[in-house]
PDB file of N, CA and C in Angstrom:
ATOM      1  N   MET A   1     -10.394 -11.988   1.263  1.00  0.00           N
ATOM      2  CA  MET A   1     -10.624 -10.780   2.042  1.00  0.00           C
ATOM      3  C   MET A   1     -11.653  -9.922   1.302  1.00  0.00           C
ATOM      4  N   LYS A   2     -12.523  -9.300   2.077  1.00  0.00           N
ATOM      5  CA  LYS A   2     -13.542  -8.420   1.513  1.00  0.00           C
ATOM      6  C   LYS A   2     -13.427  -7.045   2.155  1.00  0.00           C
ATOM      7  N   VAL A   3     -13.260  -6.033   1.326  1.00  0.00           N
ATOM      8  CA  VAL A   3     -13.153  -4.654   1.774  1.00  0.00           C
ATOM      9  C   VAL A   3     -14.381  -3.913   1.246  1.00  0.00           C
ATOM     10  N   GLN A   4     -15.105  -3.273   2.150  1.00  0.00           N
ATOM     11  CA  GLN A   4     -16.296  -2.536   1.745  1.00  0.00           C
ATOM     12  C   GLN A   4     -16.141  -1.062   2.096  1.00  0.00           C
ATOM     13  N   ILE A   5     -16.557  -0.219   1.158  1.00  0.00           N
ATOM     14  CA  ILE A   5     -16.603   1.219   1.367  1.00  0.00           C
ATOM     15  C   ILE A   5     -18.078   1.577   1.459  1.00  0.00           C
ATOM     16  N   LEU A   6     -18.485   2.141   2.579  1.00  0.00           N
ATOM     17  CA  LEU A   6     -19.880   2.492   2.796  1.00  0.00           C
ATOM     18  C   LEU A   6     -20.056   3.991   2.626  1.00  0.00           C
ATOM     19  N   GLY A   7     -21.005   4.373   1.778  1.00  0.00           N
ATOM     20  CA  GLY A   7     -21.277   5.786   1.586  1.00  0.00           C
ATOM     21  C   GLY A   7     -22.175   6.038   0.402  1.00  0.00           C
ATOM     22  N   SER A   8     -22.552   7.296   0.253  1.00  0.00           N
ATOM     23  CA  SER A   8     -23.528   7.689  -0.770  1.00  0.00           C
ATOM     24  C   SER A   8     -22.925   7.908  -2.141  1.00  0.00           C
ATOM     25  N   GLY A   9     -21.617   8.015  -2.215  1.00  0.00           N
ATOM     26  CA  GLY A   9     -20.971   8.326  -3.486  1.00  0.00           C
ATOM     27  C   GLY A   9     -20.461   9.756  -3.517  1.00  0.00           C
ATOM     28  N   CYS A  10     -20.419  10.382  -2.348  1.00  0.00           N
ATOM     29  CA  CYS A  10     -19.898  11.755  -2.245  1.00  0.00           C
ATOM     30  C   CYS A  10     -18.387  11.757  -2.510  1.00  0.00           C
ATOM     31  N   PRO A  11     -17.790  12.926  -2.710  1.00  0.00           N
ATOM     32  CA  PRO A  11     -16.344  12.992  -2.970  1.00  0.00           C
ATOM     33  C   PRO A  11     -15.491  12.300  -1.900  1.00  0.00           C
ATOM     34  N   LYS A  12     -15.877  12.420  -0.617  1.00  0.00           N
ATOM     35  CA  LYS A  12     -15.101  11.762   0.447  1.00  0.00           C
ATOM     36  C   LYS A  12     -15.193  10.247   0.321  1.00  0.00           C
ATOM     37  N   CYS A  13     -16.368   9.747  -0.035  1.00  0.00           N
ATOM     38  CA  CYS A  13     -16.554   8.303  -0.207  1.00  0.00           C
ATOM     39  C   CYS A  13     -15.700   7.796  -1.365  1.00  0.00           C
ATOM     40  N   LYS A  14     -15.680   8.553  -2.444  1.00  0.00           N
ATOM     41  CA  LYS A  14     -14.889   8.171  -3.613  1.00  0.00           C
ATOM     42  C   LYS A  14     -13.397   8.178  -3.294  1.00  0.00           C
ATOM     43  N   MET A  15     -12.973   9.150  -2.493  1.00  0.00           N
ATOM     44  CA  MET A  15     -11.560   9.225  -2.102  1.00  0.00           C
ATOM     45  C   MET A  15     -11.185   8.030  -1.231  1.00  0.00           C
ATOM     46  N   LEU A  16     -12.053   7.664  -0.286  1.00  0.00           N
ATOM     47  CA  LEU A  16     -11.783   6.501   0.558  1.00  0.00           C
ATOM     48  C   LEU A  16     -11.709   5.234  -0.292  1.00  0.00           C
ATOM     49  N   GLU A  17     -12.595   5.109  -1.258  1.00  0.00           N
ATOM     50  CA  GLU A  17     -12.562   3.942  -2.144  1.00  0.00           C
ATOM     51  C   GLU A  17     -11.254   3.900  -2.929  1.00  0.00           C
ATOM     52  N   GLN A  18     -10.823   5.042  -3.443  1.00  0.00           N
ATOM     53  CA  GLN A  18      -9.560   5.097  -4.186  1.00  0.00           C
ATOM     54  C   GLN A  18      -8.393   4.680  -3.296  1.00  0.00           C
ATOM     55  N   HIS A  19      -8.340   5.195  -2.079  1.00  0.00           N
ATOM     56  CA  HIS A  19      -7.255   4.845  -1.161  1.00  0.00           C
ATOM     57  C   HIS A  19      -7.295   3.354  -0.813  1.00  0.00           C
ATOM     58  N   ALA A  20      -8.486   2.797  -0.655  1.00  0.00           N
ATOM     59  CA  ALA A  20      -8.610   1.367  -0.348  1.00  0.00           C
ATOM     60  C   ALA A  20      -8.090   0.523  -1.508  1.00  0.00           C
ATOM     61  N   ARG A  21      -8.451   0.899  -2.724  1.00  0.00           N
ATOM     62  CA  ARG A  21      -7.972   0.155  -3.900  1.00  0.00           C
ATOM     63  C   ARG A  21      -6.453   0.253  -4.029  1.00  0.00           C
ATOM     64  N   GLU A  22      -5.894   1.423  -3.741  1.00  0.00           N
ATOM     65  CA  GLU A  22      -4.434   1.599  -3.770  1.00  0.00           C
ATOM     66  C   GLU A  22      -3.762   0.729  -2.710  1.00  0.00           C
ATOM     67  N   ALA A  23      -4.341   0.653  -1.526  1.00  0.00           N
ATOM     68  CA  ALA A  23      -3.769  -0.157  -0.446  1.00  0.00           C
ATOM     69  C   ALA A  23      -3.802  -1.637  -0.808  1.00  0.00           C
ATOM     70  N   VAL A  24      -4.916  -2.096  -1.370  1.00  0.00           N
ATOM     71  CA  VAL A  24      -5.028  -3.498  -1.783  1.00  0.00           C
ATOM     72  C   VAL A  24      -3.987  -3.803  -2.851  1.00  0.00           C
ATOM     73  N   ALA A  25      -3.826  -2.900  -3.812  1.00  0.00           N
ATOM     74  CA  ALA A  25      -2.851  -3.101  -4.880  1.00  0.00           C
ATOM     75  C   ALA A  25      -1.425  -3.111  -4.341  1.00  0.00           C
ATOM     76  N   GLU A  26      -1.129  -2.190  -3.424  1.00  0.00           N
ATOM     77  CA  GLU A  26       0.218  -2.109  -2.852  1.00  0.00           C
ATOM     78  C   GLU A  26       0.594  -3.409  -2.130  1.00  0.00           C
ATOM     79  N   LEU A  27      -0.363  -3.979  -1.421  1.00  0.00           N
ATOM     80  CA  LEU A  27      -0.109  -5.214  -0.675  1.00  0.00           C
ATOM     81  C   LEU A  27      -0.267  -6.469  -1.534  1.00  0.00           C
ATOM     82  N   ARG A  28      -0.729  -6.269  -2.766  1.00  0.00           N
ATOM     83  CA  ARG A  28      -0.951  -7.383  -3.698  1.00  0.00           C
ATOM     84  C   ARG A  28      -1.869  -8.445  -3.090  1.00  0.00           C
ATOM     85  N   LEU A  29      -2.961  -7.959  -2.498  1.00  0.00           N
ATOM     86  CA  LEU A  29      -3.915  -8.855  -1.854  1.00  0.00           C
ATOM     87  C   LEU A  29      -4.952  -9.360  -2.845  1.00  0.00           C
ATOM     88  N   GLN A  30      -5.417 -10.558  -2.601  1.00  0.00           N
ATOM     89  CA  GLN A  30      -6.573 -11.078  -3.317  1.00  0.00           C
ATOM     90  C   GLN A  30      -7.788 -10.628  -2.517  1.00  0.00           C
ATOM     91  N   ALA A  31      -8.258  -9.432  -2.808  1.00  0.00           N
ATOM     92  CA  ALA A  31      -9.355  -8.855  -2.033  1.00  0.00           C
ATOM     93  C   ALA A  31     -10.411  -8.302  -2.973  1.00  0.00           C
ATOM     94  N   GLU A  32     -11.644  -8.451  -2.547  1.00  0.00           N
ATOM     95  CA  GLU A  32     -12.769  -7.862  -3.258  1.00  0.00           C
ATOM     96  C   GLU A  32     -13.047  -6.506  -2.616  1.00  0.00           C
ATOM     97  N   VAL A  33     -13.045  -5.450  -3.432  1.00  0.00           N
ATOM     98  CA  VAL A  33     -13.372  -4.117  -2.934  1.00  0.00           C
ATOM     99  C   VAL A  33     -14.774  -3.788  -3.438  1.00  0.00           C
ATOM    100  N   GLU A  34     -15.676  -3.573  -2.495  1.00  0.00           N
ATOM    101  CA  GLU A  34     -17.077  -3.360  -2.832  1.00  0.00           C
ATOM    102  C   GLU A  34     -17.549  -2.009  -2.313  1.00  0.00           C
ATOM    103  N   LYS A  35     -18.308  -1.292  -3.130  1.00  0.00           N
ATOM    104  CA  LYS A  35     -18.913  -0.019  -2.736  1.00  0.00           C
ATOM    105  C   LYS A  35     -20.348  -0.301  -2.326  1.00  0.00           C
ATOM    106  N   VAL A  36     -20.712   0.102  -1.115  1.00  0.00           N
ATOM    107  CA  VAL A  36     -22.070  -0.111  -0.608  1.00  0.00           C
ATOM    108  C   VAL A  36     -22.736   1.255  -0.458  1.00  0.00           C
ATOM    109  N   THR A  37     -23.843   1.452  -1.187  1.00  0.00           N
ATOM    110  CA  THR A  37     -24.531   2.740  -1.147  1.00  0.00           C
ATOM    111  C   THR A  37     -25.937   2.648  -0.553  1.00  0.00           C
ATOM    112  N   ASP A  38     -26.414   1.446  -0.305  1.00  0.00           N
ATOM    113  CA  ASP A  38     -27.758   1.252   0.245  1.00  0.00           C
ATOM    114  C   ASP A  38     -27.765   1.618   1.728  1.00  0.00           C
ATOM    115  N   PHE A  39     -28.544   2.649   2.076  1.00  0.00           N
ATOM    116  CA  PHE A  39     -28.507   3.157   3.448  1.00  0.00           C
ATOM    117  C   PHE A  39     -29.072   2.175   4.468  1.00  0.00           C
ATOM    118  N   GLU A  40     -30.005   1.324   4.075  1.00  0.00           N
ATOM    119  CA  GLU A  40     -30.507   0.313   5.015  1.00  0.00           C
ATOM    120  C   GLU A  40     -29.392  -0.670   5.365  1.00  0.00           C
ATOM    121  N   THR A  41     -28.616  -1.058   4.362  1.00  0.00           N
ATOM    122  CA  THR A  41     -27.484  -1.958   4.594  1.00  0.00           C
ATOM    123  C   THR A  41     -26.442  -1.280   5.478  1.00  0.00           C
ATOM    124  N   ILE A  42     -26.146  -0.019   5.181  1.00  0.00           N
ATOM    125  CA  ILE A  42     -25.153   0.740   5.957  1.00  0.00           C
ATOM    126  C   ILE A  42     -25.589   0.854   7.415  1.00  0.00           C
ATOM    127  N   MET A  43     -26.837   1.228   7.643  1.00  0.00           N
ATOM    128  CA  MET A  43     -27.336   1.357   9.013  1.00  0.00           C
ATOM    129  C   MET A  43     -27.416   0.000   9.706  1.00  0.00           C
ATOM    130  N   GLY A  44     -27.669  -1.045   8.933  1.00  0.00           N
ATOM    131  CA  GLY A  44     -27.709  -2.393   9.479  1.00  0.00           C
ATOM    132  C   GLY A  44     -26.355  -2.852  10.002  1.00  0.00           C
ATOM    133  N   MET A  45     -25.285  -2.228   9.505  1.00  0.00           N
ATOM    134  CA  MET A  45     -23.935  -2.532   9.987  1.00  0.00           C
ATOM    135  C   MET A  45     -23.577  -1.662  11.187  1.00  0.00           C
ATOM    136  N   GLY A  46     -24.515  -0.812  11.617  1.00  0.00           N
ATOM    137  CA  GLY A  46     -24.272   0.046  12.771  1.00  0.00           C
ATOM    138  C   GLY A  46     -23.539   1.323  12.437  1.00  0.00           C
ATOM    139  N   VAL A  47     -23.457   1.665  11.159  1.00  0.00           N
ATOM    140  CA  VAL A  47     -22.726   2.859  10.735  1.00  0.00           C
ATOM    141  C   VAL A  47     -23.703   4.012  10.571  1.00  0.00           C
ATOM    142  N   MET A  48     -23.438   5.095  11.270  1.00  0.00           N
ATOM    143  CA  MET A  48     -24.292   6.276  11.192  1.00  0.00           C
ATOM    144  C   MET A  48     -23.595   7.456  10.521  1.00  0.00           C
ATOM    145  N   SER A  49     -22.293   7.320  10.271  1.00  0.00           N
ATOM    146  CA  SER A  49     -21.520   8.399   9.662  1.00  0.00           C
ATOM    147  C   SER A  49     -20.651   7.820   8.557  1.00  0.00           C
ATOM    148  N   THR A  50     -20.787   8.385   7.356  1.00  0.00           N
ATOM    149  CA  THR A  50     -19.999   7.895   6.226  1.00  0.00           C
ATOM    150  C   THR A  50     -18.988   8.965   5.818  1.00  0.00           C
ATOM    151  N   PRO A  51     -17.952   8.592   5.113  1.00  0.00           N
ATOM    152  CA  PRO A  51     -17.661   7.261   4.599  1.00  0.00           C
ATOM    153  C   PRO A  51     -17.181   6.326   5.703  1.00  0.00           C
ATOM    154  N   ALA A  52     -17.310   5.038   5.435  1.00  0.00           N
ATOM    155  CA  ALA A  52     -16.868   4.042   6.405  1.00  0.00           C
ATOM    156  C   ALA A  52     -16.094   2.948   5.685  1.00  0.00           C
ATOM    157  N   LEU A  53     -15.165   2.347   6.401  1.00  0.00           N
ATOM    158  CA  LEU A  53     -14.374   1.239   5.889  1.00  0.00           C
ATOM    159  C   LEU A  53     -14.698  -0.004   6.699  1.00  0.00           C
ATOM    160  N   VAL A  54     -15.024  -1.088   5.991  1.00  0.00           N
ATOM    161  CA  VAL A  54     -15.323  -2.368   6.622  1.00  0.00           C
ATOM    162  C   VAL A  54     -14.405  -3.411   6.015  1.00  0.00           C
ATOM    163  N   VAL A  55     -13.737  -4.176   6.867  1.00  0.00           N
ATOM    164  CA  VAL A  55     -12.839  -5.242   6.401  1.00  0.00           C
ATOM    165  C   VAL A  55     -13.339  -6.557   6.979  1.00  0.00           C
ATOM    166  N   ASP A  56     -13.662  -7.479   6.088  1.00  0.00           N
ATOM    167  CA  ASP A  56     -14.177  -8.799   6.480  1.00  0.00           C
ATOM    168  C   ASP A  56     -15.313  -8.694   7.505  1.00  0.00           C
ATOM    169  N   GLY A  57     -16.235  -7.766   7.244  1.00  0.00           N
ATOM    170  CA  GLY A  57     -17.424  -7.630   8.083  1.00  0.00           C
ATOM    171  C   GLY A  57     -17.247  -6.818   9.356  1.00  0.00           C
ATOM    172  N   LYS A  58     -16.039  -6.316   9.601  1.00  0.00           N
ATOM    173  CA  LYS A  58     -15.779  -5.526  10.815  1.00  0.00           C
ATOM    174  C   LYS A  58     -15.554  -4.065  10.447  1.00  0.00           C
ATOM    175  N   VAL A  59     -16.330  -3.189  11.067  1.00  0.00           N
ATOM    176  CA  VAL A  59     -16.198  -1.756  10.811  1.00  0.00           C
ATOM    177  C   VAL A  59     -14.878  -1.276  11.410  1.00  0.00           C
ATOM    178  N   LYS A  60     -14.041  -0.676  10.555  1.00  0.00           N
ATOM    179  CA  LYS A  60     -12.728  -0.203  11.000  1.00  0.00           C
ATOM    180  C   LYS A  60     -12.690   1.310  11.190  1.00  0.00           C
ATOM    181  N   SER A  61     -13.500   2.041  10.416  1.00  0.00           N
ATOM    182  CA  SER A  61     -13.475   3.498  10.501  1.00  0.00           C
ATOM    183  C   SER A  61     -14.795   4.057   9.990  1.00  0.00           C
ATOM    184  N   THR A  62     -15.251   5.139  10.620  1.00  0.00           N
ATOM    185  CA  THR A  62     -16.455   5.823  10.149  1.00  0.00           C
ATOM    186  C   THR A  62     -16.244   7.331  10.172  1.00  0.00           C
ATOM    187  N   GLY A  63     -16.865   8.009   9.217  1.00  0.00           N
ATOM    188  CA  GLY A  63     -16.915   9.456   9.236  1.00  0.00           C
ATOM    189  C   GLY A  63     -15.659  10.193   8.815  1.00  0.00           C
ATOM    190  N   ARG A  64     -14.683   9.477   8.266  1.00  0.00           N
ATOM    191  CA  ARG A  64     -13.474  10.179   7.821  1.00  0.00           C
ATOM    192  C   ARG A  64     -12.809   9.428   6.680  1.00  0.00           C
ATOM    193  N   VAL A  65     -11.986  10.160   5.951  1.00  0.00           N
ATOM    194  CA  VAL A  65     -11.251   9.583   4.835  1.00  0.00           C
ATOM    195  C   VAL A  65      -9.879   9.147   5.351  1.00  0.00           C
ATOM    196  N   LEU A  66      -9.663   7.846   5.376  1.00  0.00           N
ATOM    197  CA  LEU A  66      -8.363   7.321   5.788  1.00  0.00           C
ATOM    198  C   LEU A  66      -7.360   7.475   4.659  1.00  0.00           C
ATOM    199  N   THR A  67      -6.097   7.609   5.009  1.00  0.00           N
ATOM    200  CA  THR A  67      -5.045   7.614   3.993  1.00  0.00           C
ATOM    201  C   THR A  67      -4.799   6.175   3.538  1.00  0.00           C
ATOM    202  N   LYS A  68      -4.110   6.045   2.438  1.00  0.00           N
ATOM    203  CA  LYS A  68      -3.754   4.714   1.947  1.00  0.00           C
ATOM    204  C   LYS A  68      -2.949   3.969   3.004  1.00  0.00           C
ATOM    205  N   ASP A  69      -2.008   4.648   3.644  1.00  0.00           N
ATOM    206  CA  ASP A  69      -1.167   3.999   4.654  1.00  0.00           C
ATOM    207  C   ASP A  69      -1.967   3.541   5.869  1.00  0.00           C
ATOM    208  N   GLN A  70      -2.974   4.318   6.263  1.00  0.00           N
ATOM    209  CA  GLN A  70      -3.824   3.891   7.379  1.00  0.00           C
ATOM    210  C   GLN A  70      -4.603   2.621   6.994  1.00  0.00           C
ATOM    211  N   ILE A  71      -5.066   2.563   5.763  1.00  0.00           N
ATOM    212  CA  ILE A  71      -5.809   1.391   5.309  1.00  0.00           C
ATOM    213  C   ILE A  71      -4.881   0.187   5.218  1.00  0.00           C
ATOM    214  N   VAL A  72      -3.655   0.391   4.764  1.00  0.00           N
ATOM    215  CA  VAL A  72      -2.663  -0.695   4.714  1.00  0.00           C
ATOM    216  C   VAL A  72      -2.516  -1.316   6.105  1.00  0.00           C
ATOM    217  N   THR A  73      -2.460  -0.492   7.145  1.00  0.00           N
ATOM    218  CA  THR A  73      -2.331  -0.983   8.512  1.00  0.00           C
ATOM    219  C   THR A  73      -3.512  -1.870   8.877  1.00  0.00           C
ATOM    220  N   TYR A  74      -4.722  -1.455   8.539  1.00  0.00           N
ATOM    221  CA  TYR A  74      -5.912  -2.263   8.827  1.00  0.00           C
ATOM    222  C   TYR A  74      -5.890  -3.587   8.043  1.00  0.00           C
ATOM    223  N   LEU A  75      -5.433  -3.537   6.805  1.00  0.00           N
ATOM    224  CA  LEU A  75      -5.430  -4.744   5.975  1.00  0.00           C
ATOM    225  C   LEU A  75      -4.369  -5.742   6.429  1.00  0.00           C
ATOM    226  N   LYS A  76      -3.275  -5.251   6.969  1.00  0.00           N
ATOM    227  CA  LYS A  76      -2.221  -6.139   7.472  1.00  0.00           C
ATOM    228  C   LYS A  76      -2.620  -6.801   8.772  1.00  0.00           C
ATOM    229  N   GLY A  77      -3.374  -6.084   9.610  1.00  0.00           N
ATOM    230  CA  GLY A  77      -3.674  -6.576  10.946  1.00  0.00           C
ATOM    231  C   GLY A  77      -4.992  -7.235  11.025  1.00  0.00           C
TER     232      GLY A  77
END
């Protein structure tokens, strides 16, 4: 599984990354958590508002900081 956090590195992006790492740890998943800061790559994924969460290449959320529990739901489903 690949989890990507898209954003510039702002506080909201960092918070989303922290929550994603906590969710992966809670579920004990073998997942790669990657931070993507390149805006061409971000726009190439169709994301215009950050932070964004992408799971296995599918955009799950844009423009808001999800809670750990919300991310757990995305990772389970």
